[in-house]
Amino acid sequence: MKRLYALAGLVAMATPLVTAAASRATVDTPPAEAAPIYGVTLPKGYRSWELIAPATEAAPLDELRVVLGNESALDAYRAGTLPFPDGTLLVKLAWKQKPSPEFGPATVPGAATTVQVMVKDSRRYAATGGWGFGRFVNGVPVDKAQHETCWGCHQALVKDHDFVFTRYAP
């Protein structure tokens, strides 16, 4: 039941949280370098994109997550279009879960953990189903070893959904 409260709370607060974060920053700070292997960077303005879906991750990560998408991603989700068109960008924001100080059964975001990016470019990323991947902590890409795990999971588990785990939350 606690997870249900957490998920409902995350959905309710996702848009204001993203909007508040976007209003504090006038310019996105680019990462010091692009993600290894795929060369993906943090997309400009992603913090003000629309919500595609919330999610939770059980132990050991124990995270609250929100997936945002650019206009191409939202159009494809709303139309049920697969494969996603080139130019689709998906961004997952993740935080550690912590109990709400105001409402005990609820869980709220704690410390930020990662920002993960998927970029659809069927020519550039032909070897990985048309997708490039990036993982960032505090705007800096994580090491190559972590990026090597992205494609394997997506290929093994969501091949029939154009290698994308997230489903649209209408």
N, C-alpha and C. Protein backbone atom coordinates (compact mmCIF):
# COMPACT_ATOMS: atom_id res chain seq x y z
N MET A 1 0.83 -1.18 0.00
CA MET A 1 0.00 0.00 0.00
C MET A 1 0.88 1.26 0.00
N LYS A 2 2.02 1.19 0.69
CA LYS A 2 2.92 2.34 0.75
C LYS A 2 3.39 2.73 -0.65
N ARG A 3 3.69 1.73 -1.50
CA ARG A 3 4.12 2.02 -2.87
C ARG A 3 3.01 2.67 -3.68
N LEU A 4 1.77 2.27 -3.45
CA LEU A 4 0.65 2.87 -4.14
C LEU A 4 0.53 4.34 -3.78
N TYR A 5 0.66 4.66 -2.48
CA TYR A 5 0.66 6.06 -2.05
C TYR A 5 1.83 6.82 -2.67
N ALA A 6 2.98 6.18 -2.71
CA ALA A 6 4.17 6.83 -3.26
C ALA A 6 3.98 7.14 -4.73
N LEU A 7 3.46 6.18 -5.49
CA LEU A 7 3.25 6.38 -6.91
C LEU A 7 2.20 7.46 -7.16
N ALA A 8 1.11 7.44 -6.40
CA ALA A 8 0.08 8.47 -6.56
C ALA A 8 0.64 9.84 -6.21
N GLY A 9 1.44 9.91 -5.18
CA GLY A 9 2.05 11.18 -4.80
C GLY A 9 3.03 11.67 -5.85
N LEU A 10 3.78 10.76 -6.46
CA LEU A 10 4.73 11.13 -7.49
C LEU A 10 4.02 11.69 -8.71
N VAL A 11 2.92 11.06 -9.11
CA VAL A 11 2.15 11.56 -10.25
C VAL A 11 1.63 12.95 -9.94
N ALA A 12 1.10 13.14 -8.74
CA ALA A 12 0.53 14.43 -8.37
C ALA A 12 1.57 15.53 -8.33
N MET A 13 2.80 15.18 -7.94
CA MET A 13 3.79 16.23 -7.79
C MET A 13 4.76 16.34 -8.96
N ALA A 14 4.73 15.44 -9.91
CA ALA A 14 5.72 15.43 -10.98
C ALA A 14 5.73 16.72 -11.79
N THR A 15 4.57 17.16 -12.23
CA THR A 15 4.54 18.35 -13.06
C THR A 15 4.98 19.59 -12.29
N PRO A 16 4.48 19.85 -11.08
CA PRO A 16 4.98 21.01 -10.35
C PRO A 16 6.47 20.92 -10.05
N LEU A 17 6.98 19.73 -9.77
CA LEU A 17 8.39 19.55 -9.47
C LEU A 17 9.24 19.91 -10.67
N VAL A 18 8.86 19.40 -11.84
CA VAL A 18 9.61 19.69 -13.06
C VAL A 18 9.49 21.17 -13.40
N THR A 19 8.28 21.74 -13.27
CA THR A 19 8.09 23.15 -13.57
C THR A 19 8.91 24.02 -12.63
N ALA A 20 8.92 23.70 -11.34
CA ALA A 20 9.70 24.48 -10.38
C ALA A 20 11.18 24.42 -10.70
N ALA A 21 11.67 23.23 -11.03
CA ALA A 21 13.08 23.09 -11.36
C ALA A 21 13.42 23.90 -12.61
N ALA A 22 12.54 23.88 -13.60
CA ALA A 22 12.78 24.62 -14.83
C ALA A 22 12.77 26.12 -14.58
N SER A 23 11.92 26.59 -13.67
CA SER A 23 11.84 28.02 -13.43
C SER A 23 13.06 28.55 -12.69
N ARG A 24 13.79 27.70 -11.97
CA ARG A 24 14.98 28.14 -11.25
C ARG A 24 16.17 28.30 -12.19
N ALA A 25 16.17 27.60 -13.30
CA ALA A 25 17.30 27.65 -14.21
C ALA A 25 16.90 28.29 -15.52
N THR A 26 17.68 29.25 -15.97
CA THR A 26 17.36 29.89 -17.24
C THR A 26 18.05 29.18 -18.40
N VAL A 27 19.16 28.51 -18.12
CA VAL A 27 19.90 27.80 -19.16
C VAL A 27 20.33 26.46 -18.59
N ASP A 28 20.15 25.39 -19.36
CA ASP A 28 20.65 24.08 -18.92
C ASP A 28 22.17 24.09 -18.92
N THR A 29 22.76 23.49 -17.94
CA THR A 29 24.20 23.37 -17.88
C THR A 29 24.59 22.09 -18.61
N PRO A 30 25.33 22.22 -19.71
CA PRO A 30 25.70 21.01 -20.45
C PRO A 30 26.70 20.18 -19.66
N PRO A 31 26.74 18.86 -19.89
CA PRO A 31 27.71 18.03 -19.20
C PRO A 31 29.13 18.38 -19.65
N ALA A 32 30.08 18.06 -18.82
CA ALA A 32 31.47 18.33 -19.14
C ALA A 32 31.88 17.63 -20.44
N GLU A 33 31.25 16.50 -20.72
CA GLU A 33 31.53 15.75 -21.93
C GLU A 33 30.31 14.90 -22.27
N ALA A 34 30.29 14.37 -23.45
CA ALA A 34 29.19 13.50 -23.86
C ALA A 34 29.36 12.12 -23.25
N ALA A 35 28.24 11.39 -23.17
CA ALA A 35 28.27 10.04 -22.62
C ALA A 35 29.17 9.15 -23.47
N PRO A 36 29.94 8.27 -22.82
CA PRO A 36 30.79 7.36 -23.57
C PRO A 36 29.95 6.41 -24.44
N ILE A 37 30.54 5.87 -25.44
CA ILE A 37 29.97 4.93 -26.40
C ILE A 37 29.02 5.63 -27.37
N TYR A 38 27.97 6.29 -26.86
CA TYR A 38 26.91 6.82 -27.71
C TYR A 38 27.05 8.31 -28.02
N GLY A 39 27.82 9.05 -27.25
CA GLY A 39 27.99 10.47 -27.47
C GLY A 39 26.76 11.32 -27.13
N VAL A 40 25.85 10.77 -26.34
CA VAL A 40 24.62 11.46 -25.97
C VAL A 40 24.92 12.53 -24.93
N THR A 41 24.25 13.69 -25.04
CA THR A 41 24.36 14.76 -24.07
C THR A 41 22.98 15.03 -23.48
N LEU A 42 22.95 15.81 -22.41
CA LEU A 42 21.66 16.21 -21.82
C LEU A 42 20.97 17.18 -22.77
N PRO A 43 19.72 16.88 -23.16
CA PRO A 43 19.02 17.77 -24.09
C PRO A 43 18.68 19.11 -23.45
N LYS A 44 18.84 20.16 -24.18
CA LYS A 44 18.52 21.50 -23.69
C LYS A 44 17.02 21.59 -23.38
N GLY A 45 16.69 22.12 -22.21
CA GLY A 45 15.31 22.34 -21.83
C GLY A 45 14.53 21.14 -21.37
N TYR A 46 15.18 19.98 -21.19
CA TYR A 46 14.45 18.76 -20.84
C TYR A 46 13.66 18.87 -19.55
N ARG A 47 14.09 19.69 -18.61
CA ARG A 47 13.39 19.78 -17.33
C ARG A 47 11.98 20.37 -17.46
N SER A 48 11.67 20.97 -18.58
CA SER A 48 10.32 21.53 -18.77
C SER A 48 9.47 20.68 -19.72
N TRP A 49 9.95 19.50 -20.11
CA TRP A 49 9.17 18.62 -20.97
C TRP A 49 8.00 18.02 -20.21
N GLU A 50 7.04 17.45 -20.96
CA GLU A 50 5.86 16.85 -20.35
C GLU A 50 6.15 15.45 -19.79
N LEU A 51 5.34 15.11 -18.80
CA LEU A 51 5.42 13.80 -18.16
C LEU A 51 4.89 12.72 -19.10
N ILE A 52 5.65 11.64 -19.23
CA ILE A 52 5.18 10.46 -19.95
C ILE A 52 4.65 9.45 -18.94
N ALA A 53 5.43 9.20 -17.89
CA ALA A 53 4.99 8.26 -16.86
C ALA A 53 5.88 8.33 -15.63
N PRO A 54 5.29 8.07 -14.46
CA PRO A 54 6.09 7.90 -13.25
C PRO A 54 6.42 6.42 -13.08
N ALA A 55 7.37 6.13 -12.21
CA ALA A 55 7.71 4.74 -11.92
C ALA A 55 8.41 4.66 -10.57
N THR A 56 8.45 3.47 -10.02
CA THR A 56 9.26 3.22 -8.84
C THR A 56 10.19 2.07 -9.15
N GLU A 57 11.29 2.03 -8.48
CA GLU A 57 12.26 0.94 -8.63
C GLU A 57 12.46 0.34 -7.26
N ALA A 58 12.25 -0.94 -7.16
CA ALA A 58 12.40 -1.64 -5.88
C ALA A 58 13.88 -1.77 -5.51
N ALA A 59 14.12 -2.38 -4.39
CA ALA A 59 15.49 -2.62 -3.92
C ALA A 59 16.26 -3.37 -5.00
N PRO A 60 17.52 -3.14 -5.16
CA PRO A 60 18.37 -2.37 -4.28
C PRO A 60 18.39 -0.86 -4.58
N LEU A 61 17.85 -0.43 -5.73
CA LEU A 61 17.91 0.99 -6.06
C LEU A 61 16.96 1.84 -5.23
N ASP A 62 15.75 1.34 -4.98
CA ASP A 62 14.78 2.03 -4.14
C ASP A 62 14.59 3.49 -4.58
N GLU A 63 14.20 3.67 -5.86
CA GLU A 63 14.10 5.00 -6.44
C GLU A 63 12.68 5.35 -6.87
N LEU A 64 12.41 6.65 -6.88
CA LEU A 64 11.24 7.22 -7.54
C LEU A 64 11.75 7.75 -8.87
N ARG A 65 10.98 7.56 -9.93
CA ARG A 65 11.44 7.98 -11.25
C ARG A 65 10.31 8.66 -12.01
N VAL A 66 10.69 9.58 -12.88
CA VAL A 66 9.75 10.25 -13.76
C VAL A 66 10.37 10.24 -15.14
N VAL A 67 9.61 9.82 -16.15
CA VAL A 67 10.08 9.85 -17.52
C VAL A 67 9.39 11.01 -18.23
N LEU A 68 10.21 11.85 -18.85
CA LEU A 68 9.74 13.01 -19.61
C LEU A 68 10.07 12.77 -21.08
N GLY A 69 9.34 13.44 -21.97
CA GLY A 69 9.63 13.28 -23.39
C GLY A 69 9.48 14.57 -24.15
N ASN A 70 10.20 14.64 -25.28
CA ASN A 70 10.05 15.79 -26.15
C ASN A 70 8.74 15.62 -26.95
N GLU A 71 8.44 16.57 -27.80
CA GLU A 71 7.19 16.56 -28.55
C GLU A 71 7.06 15.32 -29.43
N SER A 72 8.16 14.91 -30.05
CA SER A 72 8.14 13.71 -30.89
C SER A 72 7.76 12.47 -30.08
N ALA A 73 8.31 12.35 -28.88
CA ALA A 73 7.99 11.22 -28.01
C ALA A 73 6.52 11.24 -27.61
N LEU A 74 6.03 12.39 -27.19
CA LEU A 74 4.63 12.50 -26.77
C LEU A 74 3.67 12.20 -27.91
N ASP A 75 3.96 12.72 -29.09
CA ASP A 75 3.11 12.44 -30.26
C ASP A 75 3.05 10.95 -30.55
N ALA A 76 4.21 10.29 -30.48
CA ALA A 76 4.27 8.85 -30.76
C ALA A 76 3.51 8.06 -29.70
N TYR A 77 3.69 8.39 -28.45
CA TYR A 77 2.96 7.70 -27.38
C TYR A 77 1.46 7.88 -27.54
N ARG A 78 1.02 9.10 -27.76
CA ARG A 78 -0.42 9.37 -27.86
C ARG A 78 -1.05 8.69 -29.06
N ALA A 79 -0.30 8.56 -30.15
CA ALA A 79 -0.82 7.91 -31.36
C ALA A 79 -0.59 6.40 -31.35
N GLY A 80 0.17 5.91 -30.39
CA GLY A 80 0.48 4.47 -30.35
C GLY A 80 1.44 4.08 -31.46
N THR A 81 2.30 5.00 -31.88
CA THR A 81 3.23 4.77 -32.99
C THR A 81 4.46 4.00 -32.54
N LEU A 82 4.70 2.87 -33.17
CA LEU A 82 5.94 2.11 -33.00
C LEU A 82 6.40 1.68 -34.38
N PRO A 83 7.66 1.74 -34.68
CA PRO A 83 8.71 2.23 -33.82
C PRO A 83 8.61 3.75 -33.65
N PHE A 84 9.25 4.24 -32.59
CA PHE A 84 9.30 5.68 -32.36
C PHE A 84 10.05 6.34 -33.51
N PRO A 85 9.66 7.54 -33.91
CA PRO A 85 10.35 8.21 -35.01
C PRO A 85 11.71 8.76 -34.59
N ASP A 86 12.60 8.91 -35.57
CA ASP A 86 13.87 9.57 -35.30
C ASP A 86 13.59 10.95 -34.72
N GLY A 87 14.42 11.35 -33.78
CA GLY A 87 14.22 12.63 -33.10
C GLY A 87 13.53 12.48 -31.77
N THR A 88 13.03 11.28 -31.47
CA THR A 88 12.40 11.05 -30.17
C THR A 88 13.47 11.11 -29.08
N LEU A 89 13.15 11.83 -28.02
CA LEU A 89 14.04 11.93 -26.86
C LEU A 89 13.26 11.59 -25.60
N LEU A 90 13.79 10.70 -24.80
CA LEU A 90 13.20 10.32 -23.52
C LEU A 90 14.23 10.61 -22.43
N VAL A 91 13.78 11.19 -21.32
CA VAL A 91 14.66 11.49 -20.21
C VAL A 91 14.03 10.96 -18.93
N LYS A 92 14.81 10.18 -18.19
CA LYS A 92 14.34 9.64 -16.90
C LYS A 92 15.10 10.35 -15.78
N LEU A 93 14.34 10.97 -14.87
CA LEU A 93 14.90 11.58 -13.67
C LEU A 93 14.68 10.60 -12.53
N ALA A 94 15.67 10.42 -11.67
CA ALA A 94 15.54 9.45 -10.58
C ALA A 94 16.03 10.06 -9.27
N TRP A 95 15.31 9.69 -8.19
CA TRP A 95 15.63 10.13 -6.84
C TRP A 95 15.52 8.95 -5.89
N LYS A 96 16.29 8.98 -4.82
CA LYS A 96 16.10 8.01 -3.73
C LYS A 96 14.76 8.28 -3.09
N GLN A 97 14.08 7.25 -2.64
CA GLN A 97 12.81 7.41 -1.93
C GLN A 97 13.07 7.76 -0.47
N LYS A 98 12.22 8.62 0.08
CA LYS A 98 12.27 8.88 1.52
C LYS A 98 10.85 9.11 2.01
N PRO A 99 10.59 8.83 3.27
CA PRO A 99 9.24 9.03 3.80
C PRO A 99 8.87 10.51 3.80
N SER A 100 7.62 10.79 3.51
CA SER A 100 7.12 12.16 3.56
C SER A 100 7.10 12.63 5.01
N PRO A 101 7.64 13.82 5.29
CA PRO A 101 7.58 14.31 6.67
C PRO A 101 6.16 14.73 7.07
N GLU A 102 5.30 15.01 6.08
CA GLU A 102 3.95 15.45 6.38
C GLU A 102 2.91 14.33 6.41
N PHE A 103 3.18 13.25 5.65
CA PHE A 103 2.19 12.18 5.52
C PHE A 103 2.92 10.85 5.51
N GLY A 104 2.98 10.21 6.66
CA GLY A 104 3.76 9.01 6.87
C GLY A 104 3.66 7.90 5.84
N PRO A 105 2.44 7.56 5.33
CA PRO A 105 2.36 6.47 4.37
C PRO A 105 2.95 6.80 2.99
N ALA A 106 3.19 8.08 2.72
CA ALA A 106 3.68 8.49 1.40
C ALA A 106 5.19 8.51 1.33
N THR A 107 5.70 8.36 0.13
CA THR A 107 7.12 8.45 -0.15
C THR A 107 7.33 9.65 -1.08
N VAL A 108 8.40 10.41 -0.84
CA VAL A 108 8.71 11.58 -1.65
C VAL A 108 10.15 11.48 -2.15
N PRO A 109 10.51 12.30 -3.15
CA PRO A 109 11.89 12.25 -3.64
C PRO A 109 12.88 12.73 -2.59
N GLY A 110 13.97 12.00 -2.49
CA GLY A 110 15.09 12.40 -1.66
C GLY A 110 16.20 12.91 -2.56
N ALA A 111 17.41 12.43 -2.35
CA ALA A 111 18.55 12.87 -3.16
C ALA A 111 18.42 12.40 -4.60
N ALA A 112 18.75 13.28 -5.54
CA ALA A 112 18.76 12.90 -6.96
C ALA A 112 19.86 11.86 -7.19
N THR A 113 19.57 10.88 -8.06
CA THR A 113 20.57 9.85 -8.33
C THR A 113 21.12 9.97 -9.75
N THR A 114 20.27 9.85 -10.76
CA THR A 114 20.75 9.93 -12.15
C THR A 114 19.73 10.61 -13.04
N VAL A 115 20.22 11.05 -14.18
CA VAL A 115 19.37 11.46 -15.30
C VAL A 115 19.80 10.55 -16.44
N GLN A 116 18.83 9.83 -17.02
CA GLN A 116 19.13 8.91 -18.10
C GLN A 116 18.43 9.39 -19.37
N VAL A 117 19.11 9.29 -20.50
CA VAL A 117 18.60 9.83 -21.76
C VAL A 117 18.62 8.74 -22.82
N MET A 118 17.54 8.69 -23.62
CA MET A 118 17.50 7.84 -24.82
C MET A 118 17.23 8.74 -26.01
N VAL A 119 18.01 8.57 -27.08
CA VAL A 119 17.89 9.38 -28.29
C VAL A 119 17.64 8.44 -29.47
N LYS A 120 16.57 8.69 -30.22
CA LYS A 120 16.28 7.84 -31.39
C LYS A 120 16.89 8.48 -32.64
N ASP A 121 17.84 7.77 -33.24
CA ASP A 121 18.47 8.17 -34.49
C ASP A 121 18.86 6.88 -35.19
N SER A 122 17.98 6.41 -36.09
CA SER A 122 18.15 5.07 -36.66
C SER A 122 19.42 4.90 -37.48
N ARG A 123 19.97 5.97 -38.02
CA ARG A 123 21.24 5.84 -38.76
C ARG A 123 22.44 5.82 -37.82
N ARG A 124 22.48 6.78 -36.93
CA ARG A 124 23.63 6.91 -36.03
C ARG A 124 23.75 5.72 -35.08
N TYR A 125 22.60 5.20 -34.62
CA TYR A 125 22.61 4.11 -33.63
C TYR A 125 22.00 2.82 -34.21
N ALA A 126 22.28 2.54 -35.45
CA ALA A 126 21.71 1.36 -36.11
C ALA A 126 22.04 0.06 -35.38
N ALA A 127 23.23 -0.03 -34.81
CA ALA A 127 23.66 -1.26 -34.12
C ALA A 127 22.92 -1.50 -32.81
N THR A 128 22.23 -0.47 -32.29
CA THR A 128 21.52 -0.62 -31.02
C THR A 128 20.04 -0.26 -31.19
N GLY A 129 19.45 -0.81 -32.23
CA GLY A 129 18.01 -0.65 -32.46
C GLY A 129 17.58 0.78 -32.76
N GLY A 130 18.53 1.63 -33.12
CA GLY A 130 18.22 3.02 -33.43
C GLY A 130 18.30 3.95 -32.23
N TRP A 131 18.72 3.44 -31.07
CA TRP A 131 18.75 4.23 -29.84
C TRP A 131 20.16 4.45 -29.33
N GLY A 132 20.42 5.68 -28.88
CA GLY A 132 21.64 6.02 -28.16
C GLY A 132 21.27 6.27 -26.71
N PHE A 133 22.18 5.98 -25.80
CA PHE A 133 21.89 6.05 -24.37
C PHE A 133 22.90 6.94 -23.65
N GLY A 134 22.43 7.60 -22.60
CA GLY A 134 23.31 8.40 -21.76
C GLY A 134 22.85 8.36 -20.31
N ARG A 135 23.79 8.26 -19.39
CA ARG A 135 23.51 8.32 -17.95
C ARG A 135 24.39 9.40 -17.36
N PHE A 136 23.77 10.26 -16.55
CA PHE A 136 24.48 11.41 -16.00
C PHE A 136 24.21 11.54 -14.50
N VAL A 137 25.22 11.94 -13.76
CA VAL A 137 25.09 12.28 -12.35
C VAL A 137 25.62 13.70 -12.21
N ASN A 138 24.77 14.58 -11.71
CA ASN A 138 25.14 16.00 -11.58
C ASN A 138 25.63 16.59 -12.90
N GLY A 139 25.01 16.19 -14.02
CA GLY A 139 25.35 16.73 -15.32
C GLY A 139 26.57 16.13 -15.98
N VAL A 140 27.21 15.16 -15.31
CA VAL A 140 28.43 14.54 -15.84
C VAL A 140 28.12 13.09 -16.19
N PRO A 141 28.54 12.64 -17.38
CA PRO A 141 28.27 11.25 -17.75
C PRO A 141 28.99 10.26 -16.84
N VAL A 142 28.31 9.14 -16.58
CA VAL A 142 28.93 8.09 -15.77
C VAL A 142 29.88 7.28 -16.64
N ASP A 143 30.60 6.37 -16.03
CA ASP A 143 31.65 5.64 -16.74
C ASP A 143 31.13 4.72 -17.84
N LYS A 144 32.04 4.33 -18.70
CA LYS A 144 31.73 3.49 -19.86
C LYS A 144 31.09 2.16 -19.46
N ALA A 145 31.55 1.57 -18.37
CA ALA A 145 31.02 0.27 -17.95
C ALA A 145 29.51 0.34 -17.71
N GLN A 146 29.02 1.43 -17.11
CA GLN A 146 27.58 1.56 -16.89
C GLN A 146 26.83 1.71 -18.21
N HIS A 147 27.41 2.39 -19.18
CA HIS A 147 26.76 2.56 -20.47
C HIS A 147 26.71 1.25 -21.26
N GLU A 148 27.66 0.37 -21.03
CA GLU A 148 27.69 -0.91 -21.73
C GLU A 148 26.50 -1.79 -21.35
N THR A 149 25.87 -1.53 -20.21
CA THR A 149 24.74 -2.35 -19.77
C THR A 149 23.41 -1.91 -20.38
N CYS A 150 23.32 -0.68 -20.90
CA CYS A 150 22.03 -0.15 -21.39
C CYS A 150 21.42 -1.03 -22.48
N TRP A 151 22.11 -1.19 -23.57
CA TRP A 151 21.56 -1.88 -24.73
C TRP A 151 21.20 -3.33 -24.41
N GLY A 152 22.00 -4.02 -23.64
CA GLY A 152 21.73 -5.42 -23.32
C GLY A 152 20.36 -5.62 -22.69
N CYS A 153 20.01 -4.82 -21.71
CA CYS A 153 18.71 -4.94 -21.05
C CYS A 153 17.56 -4.56 -21.98
N HIS A 154 17.72 -3.46 -22.69
CA HIS A 154 16.66 -3.02 -23.59
C HIS A 154 16.42 -4.06 -24.69
N GLN A 155 17.50 -4.60 -25.23
CA GLN A 155 17.38 -5.61 -26.30
C GLN A 155 16.73 -6.89 -25.78
N ALA A 156 17.12 -7.33 -24.61
CA ALA A 156 16.62 -8.58 -24.06
C ALA A 156 15.17 -8.51 -23.58
N LEU A 157 14.76 -7.34 -23.06
CA LEU A 157 13.49 -7.28 -22.36
C LEU A 157 12.36 -6.53 -23.07
N VAL A 158 12.68 -5.60 -23.97
CA VAL A 158 11.61 -4.80 -24.58
C VAL A 158 11.77 -4.64 -26.10
N LYS A 159 12.26 -5.69 -26.72
CA LYS A 159 12.45 -5.67 -28.18
C LYS A 159 11.13 -5.38 -28.90
N ASP A 160 10.02 -5.91 -28.40
CA ASP A 160 8.73 -5.75 -29.07
C ASP A 160 8.08 -4.39 -28.81
N HIS A 161 8.73 -3.52 -28.04
CA HIS A 161 8.21 -2.18 -27.79
C HIS A 161 9.26 -1.15 -28.22
N ASP A 162 9.92 -1.42 -29.34
CA ASP A 162 10.98 -0.57 -29.88
C ASP A 162 12.05 -0.28 -28.83
N PHE A 163 12.34 -1.28 -27.99
CA PHE A 163 13.42 -1.24 -27.02
C PHE A 163 13.20 -0.20 -25.91
N VAL A 164 11.94 0.19 -25.68
CA VAL A 164 11.60 1.19 -24.66
C VAL A 164 10.77 0.54 -23.56
N PHE A 165 11.20 0.68 -22.31
CA PHE A 165 10.47 0.12 -21.18
C PHE A 165 9.21 0.93 -20.84
N THR A 166 9.30 2.23 -20.89
CA THR A 166 8.23 3.11 -20.40
C THR A 166 6.99 3.05 -21.25
N ARG A 167 5.86 2.92 -20.58
CA ARG A 167 4.54 2.99 -21.23
C ARG A 167 3.91 4.31 -20.83
N TYR A 168 3.12 4.87 -21.72
CA TYR A 168 2.50 6.16 -21.50
C TYR A 168 1.42 6.08 -20.40
N ALA A 169 1.43 7.03 -19.48
CA ALA A 169 0.42 7.12 -18.43
C ALA A 169 -0.56 8.22 -18.85
N PRO A 170 -1.69 7.84 -19.44
CA PRO A 170 -2.62 8.85 -19.95
C PRO A 170 -3.21 9.73 -18.85
